[in-house]
N, C-alpha and C. Protein backbone atom coordinates (compact mmCIF):
# COMPACT_ATOMS: atom_id res chain seq x y z
N MET A 1 -5.37 -6.06 -15.02
CA MET A 1 -3.93 -5.90 -15.03
C MET A 1 -3.26 -7.26 -15.18
N PRO A 2 -2.14 -7.29 -15.85
CA PRO A 2 -1.42 -8.56 -15.99
C PRO A 2 -0.76 -8.97 -14.67
N VAL A 3 -0.39 -10.22 -14.59
CA VAL A 3 0.32 -10.72 -13.42
C VAL A 3 1.68 -10.03 -13.35
N PHE A 4 2.03 -9.56 -12.17
CA PHE A 4 3.32 -8.90 -12.00
C PHE A 4 4.29 -9.89 -11.37
N GLU A 5 5.28 -10.25 -12.11
CA GLU A 5 6.30 -11.18 -11.61
C GLU A 5 7.65 -10.47 -11.65
N PRO A 6 8.19 -10.15 -10.48
CA PRO A 6 9.45 -9.41 -10.46
C PRO A 6 10.60 -10.24 -11.02
N ASN A 7 11.50 -9.55 -11.70
CA ASN A 7 12.67 -10.22 -12.26
C ASN A 7 13.94 -9.62 -11.65
N GLU A 8 15.08 -10.05 -12.11
CA GLU A 8 16.34 -9.56 -11.55
C GLU A 8 16.51 -8.05 -11.74
N TYR A 9 16.05 -7.53 -12.87
CA TYR A 9 16.13 -6.08 -13.11
C TYR A 9 15.34 -5.33 -12.04
N PHE A 10 14.14 -5.80 -11.75
CA PHE A 10 13.31 -5.16 -10.72
C PHE A 10 14.03 -5.14 -9.37
N TRP A 11 14.53 -6.29 -8.95
CA TRP A 11 15.19 -6.36 -7.64
C TRP A 11 16.45 -5.49 -7.62
N LYS A 12 17.18 -5.46 -8.71
CA LYS A 12 18.41 -4.68 -8.77
C LYS A 12 18.13 -3.18 -8.63
N HIS A 13 17.02 -2.72 -9.19
CA HIS A 13 16.72 -1.28 -9.20
C HIS A 13 15.77 -0.81 -8.11
N HIS A 14 15.13 -1.72 -7.40
CA HIS A 14 14.14 -1.28 -6.40
C HIS A 14 14.39 -1.81 -4.99
N TRP A 15 15.29 -2.73 -4.82
CA TRP A 15 15.54 -3.32 -3.50
C TRP A 15 17.01 -3.20 -3.18
N ASP A 16 17.32 -2.77 -1.98
CA ASP A 16 18.73 -2.56 -1.63
C ASP A 16 19.47 -3.87 -1.39
N GLY A 17 18.77 -4.97 -1.22
CA GLY A 17 19.39 -6.28 -1.09
C GLY A 17 19.98 -6.58 0.27
N LYS A 18 19.84 -5.68 1.22
CA LYS A 18 20.45 -5.88 2.53
C LYS A 18 19.62 -6.78 3.44
N ASP A 19 18.33 -6.52 3.52
CA ASP A 19 17.47 -7.25 4.44
C ASP A 19 16.43 -8.05 3.66
N PRO A 20 16.53 -9.37 3.66
CA PRO A 20 15.56 -10.17 2.90
C PRO A 20 14.13 -10.04 3.42
N ASP A 21 13.97 -9.61 4.67
CA ASP A 21 12.62 -9.42 5.22
C ASP A 21 11.90 -8.22 4.61
N THR A 22 12.62 -7.33 3.96
CA THR A 22 11.99 -6.16 3.34
C THR A 22 11.62 -6.41 1.88
N LYS A 23 11.97 -7.54 1.36
CA LYS A 23 11.72 -7.83 -0.06
C LYS A 23 10.22 -7.78 -0.38
N TRP A 24 9.40 -8.32 0.50
CA TRP A 24 7.96 -8.32 0.25
C TRP A 24 7.39 -6.91 0.28
N VAL A 25 7.98 -6.02 1.09
CA VAL A 25 7.50 -4.65 1.18
C VAL A 25 7.75 -3.92 -0.15
N VAL A 26 8.91 -4.15 -0.73
CA VAL A 26 9.25 -3.54 -2.01
C VAL A 26 8.29 -4.03 -3.09
N PHE A 27 8.04 -5.33 -3.11
CA PHE A 27 7.12 -5.90 -4.09
C PHE A 27 5.71 -5.34 -3.91
N ALA A 28 5.22 -5.30 -2.66
CA ALA A 28 3.87 -4.80 -2.39
C ALA A 28 3.72 -3.34 -2.78
N GLU A 29 4.73 -2.54 -2.49
CA GLU A 29 4.66 -1.11 -2.83
C GLU A 29 4.66 -0.90 -4.34
N ALA A 30 5.41 -1.71 -5.06
CA ALA A 30 5.43 -1.60 -6.52
C ALA A 30 4.07 -1.95 -7.12
N VAL A 31 3.45 -3.00 -6.62
CA VAL A 31 2.14 -3.40 -7.12
C VAL A 31 1.09 -2.35 -6.74
N ARG A 32 1.17 -1.85 -5.52
CA ARG A 32 0.23 -0.82 -5.05
C ARG A 32 0.31 0.43 -5.92
N THR A 33 1.54 0.86 -6.21
CA THR A 33 1.74 2.05 -7.03
C THR A 33 1.24 1.83 -8.46
N ALA A 34 1.52 0.68 -9.01
CA ALA A 34 1.07 0.37 -10.38
C ALA A 34 -0.45 0.35 -10.46
N MET A 35 -1.09 -0.24 -9.47
CA MET A 35 -2.56 -0.29 -9.47
C MET A 35 -3.15 1.11 -9.33
N ALA A 36 -2.58 1.94 -8.48
CA ALA A 36 -3.08 3.30 -8.30
C ALA A 36 -2.95 4.10 -9.59
N GLU A 37 -1.80 3.97 -10.25
CA GLU A 37 -1.60 4.69 -11.51
C GLU A 37 -2.55 4.19 -12.60
N CYS A 38 -2.73 2.90 -12.68
CA CYS A 38 -3.59 2.31 -13.71
C CYS A 38 -5.05 2.73 -13.56
N TYR A 39 -5.53 2.76 -12.32
CA TYR A 39 -6.94 3.04 -12.08
C TYR A 39 -7.22 4.48 -11.65
N GLY A 40 -6.18 5.31 -11.59
CA GLY A 40 -6.38 6.71 -11.26
C GLY A 40 -6.68 6.99 -9.80
N PHE A 41 -6.21 6.12 -8.89
CA PHE A 41 -6.43 6.32 -7.47
C PHE A 41 -5.31 7.16 -6.87
N LYS A 42 -5.65 7.88 -5.80
CA LYS A 42 -4.63 8.58 -5.03
C LYS A 42 -4.14 7.63 -3.95
N LEU A 43 -2.85 7.61 -3.70
CA LEU A 43 -2.30 6.78 -2.64
C LEU A 43 -2.47 7.47 -1.29
N SER A 44 -2.80 6.69 -0.29
CA SER A 44 -2.95 7.21 1.07
C SER A 44 -2.16 6.32 2.02
N ASN A 45 -1.42 6.93 2.89
CA ASN A 45 -0.65 6.18 3.88
C ASN A 45 -1.29 6.23 5.26
N SER A 46 -2.56 6.61 5.32
CA SER A 46 -3.23 6.68 6.62
C SER A 46 -3.48 5.27 7.15
N ALA A 47 -3.41 5.16 8.46
CA ALA A 47 -3.64 3.88 9.12
C ALA A 47 -5.14 3.67 9.33
N MET A 48 -5.51 2.44 9.60
CA MET A 48 -6.92 2.13 9.82
C MET A 48 -7.46 2.94 11.00
N GLN A 49 -6.64 3.14 12.02
CA GLN A 49 -7.07 3.92 13.19
C GLN A 49 -7.45 5.34 12.78
N ASP A 50 -6.70 5.93 11.85
CA ASP A 50 -7.02 7.28 11.36
C ASP A 50 -8.38 7.31 10.70
N LYS A 51 -8.74 6.26 10.02
CA LYS A 51 -10.03 6.19 9.34
C LYS A 51 -11.17 6.12 10.34
N TYR A 52 -10.96 5.41 11.46
CA TYR A 52 -11.97 5.36 12.51
C TYR A 52 -12.20 6.74 13.11
N VAL A 53 -11.12 7.46 13.37
CA VAL A 53 -11.24 8.81 13.93
C VAL A 53 -11.98 9.71 12.96
N TYR A 54 -11.65 9.63 11.69
CA TYR A 54 -12.33 10.43 10.67
C TYR A 54 -13.83 10.12 10.65
N LYS A 55 -14.19 8.85 10.67
CA LYS A 55 -15.61 8.47 10.65
C LYS A 55 -16.33 8.96 11.90
N GLU A 56 -15.66 8.91 13.04
CA GLU A 56 -16.28 9.41 14.27
C GLU A 56 -16.55 10.91 14.17
N ILE A 57 -15.62 11.64 13.55
CA ILE A 57 -15.82 13.08 13.39
C ILE A 57 -16.98 13.34 12.43
N VAL A 58 -17.01 12.64 11.32
CA VAL A 58 -18.04 12.88 10.29
C VAL A 58 -19.40 12.37 10.74
N TRP A 59 -19.47 11.15 11.26
CA TRP A 59 -20.74 10.54 11.59
C TRP A 59 -21.15 10.73 13.06
N GLY A 60 -20.22 11.15 13.91
CA GLY A 60 -20.55 11.43 15.29
C GLY A 60 -20.88 10.22 16.12
N LYS A 61 -20.33 9.07 15.77
CA LYS A 61 -20.57 7.86 16.56
C LYS A 61 -19.33 6.99 16.56
N ASN A 62 -19.28 6.06 17.46
CA ASN A 62 -18.15 5.16 17.59
C ASN A 62 -18.26 4.09 16.52
N THR A 63 -17.43 4.16 15.50
CA THR A 63 -17.51 3.23 14.36
C THR A 63 -16.71 1.96 14.59
N LYS A 64 -15.93 1.89 15.67
CA LYS A 64 -15.12 0.69 15.92
C LYS A 64 -15.96 -0.50 16.32
N THR A 65 -17.12 -0.24 16.92
CA THR A 65 -17.96 -1.35 17.42
C THR A 65 -19.14 -1.60 16.51
N GLU A 66 -19.30 -0.82 15.47
CA GLU A 66 -20.46 -1.00 14.61
C GLU A 66 -20.11 -1.70 13.33
């Protein structure tokens, strides 16, 4: 994939401009979505903790310490 460098058009259409601390979140989500679409991945919003619980159910062991 090419380097993604946001421009004024991107910020104008994807960021509300109110909180500068959220600017990185908008950028990260745009890159994440583009990568998922390009490579055919499904997006998941599950937390790492959810993945540990899932592994414990499937594998029947505590995966946090292994």
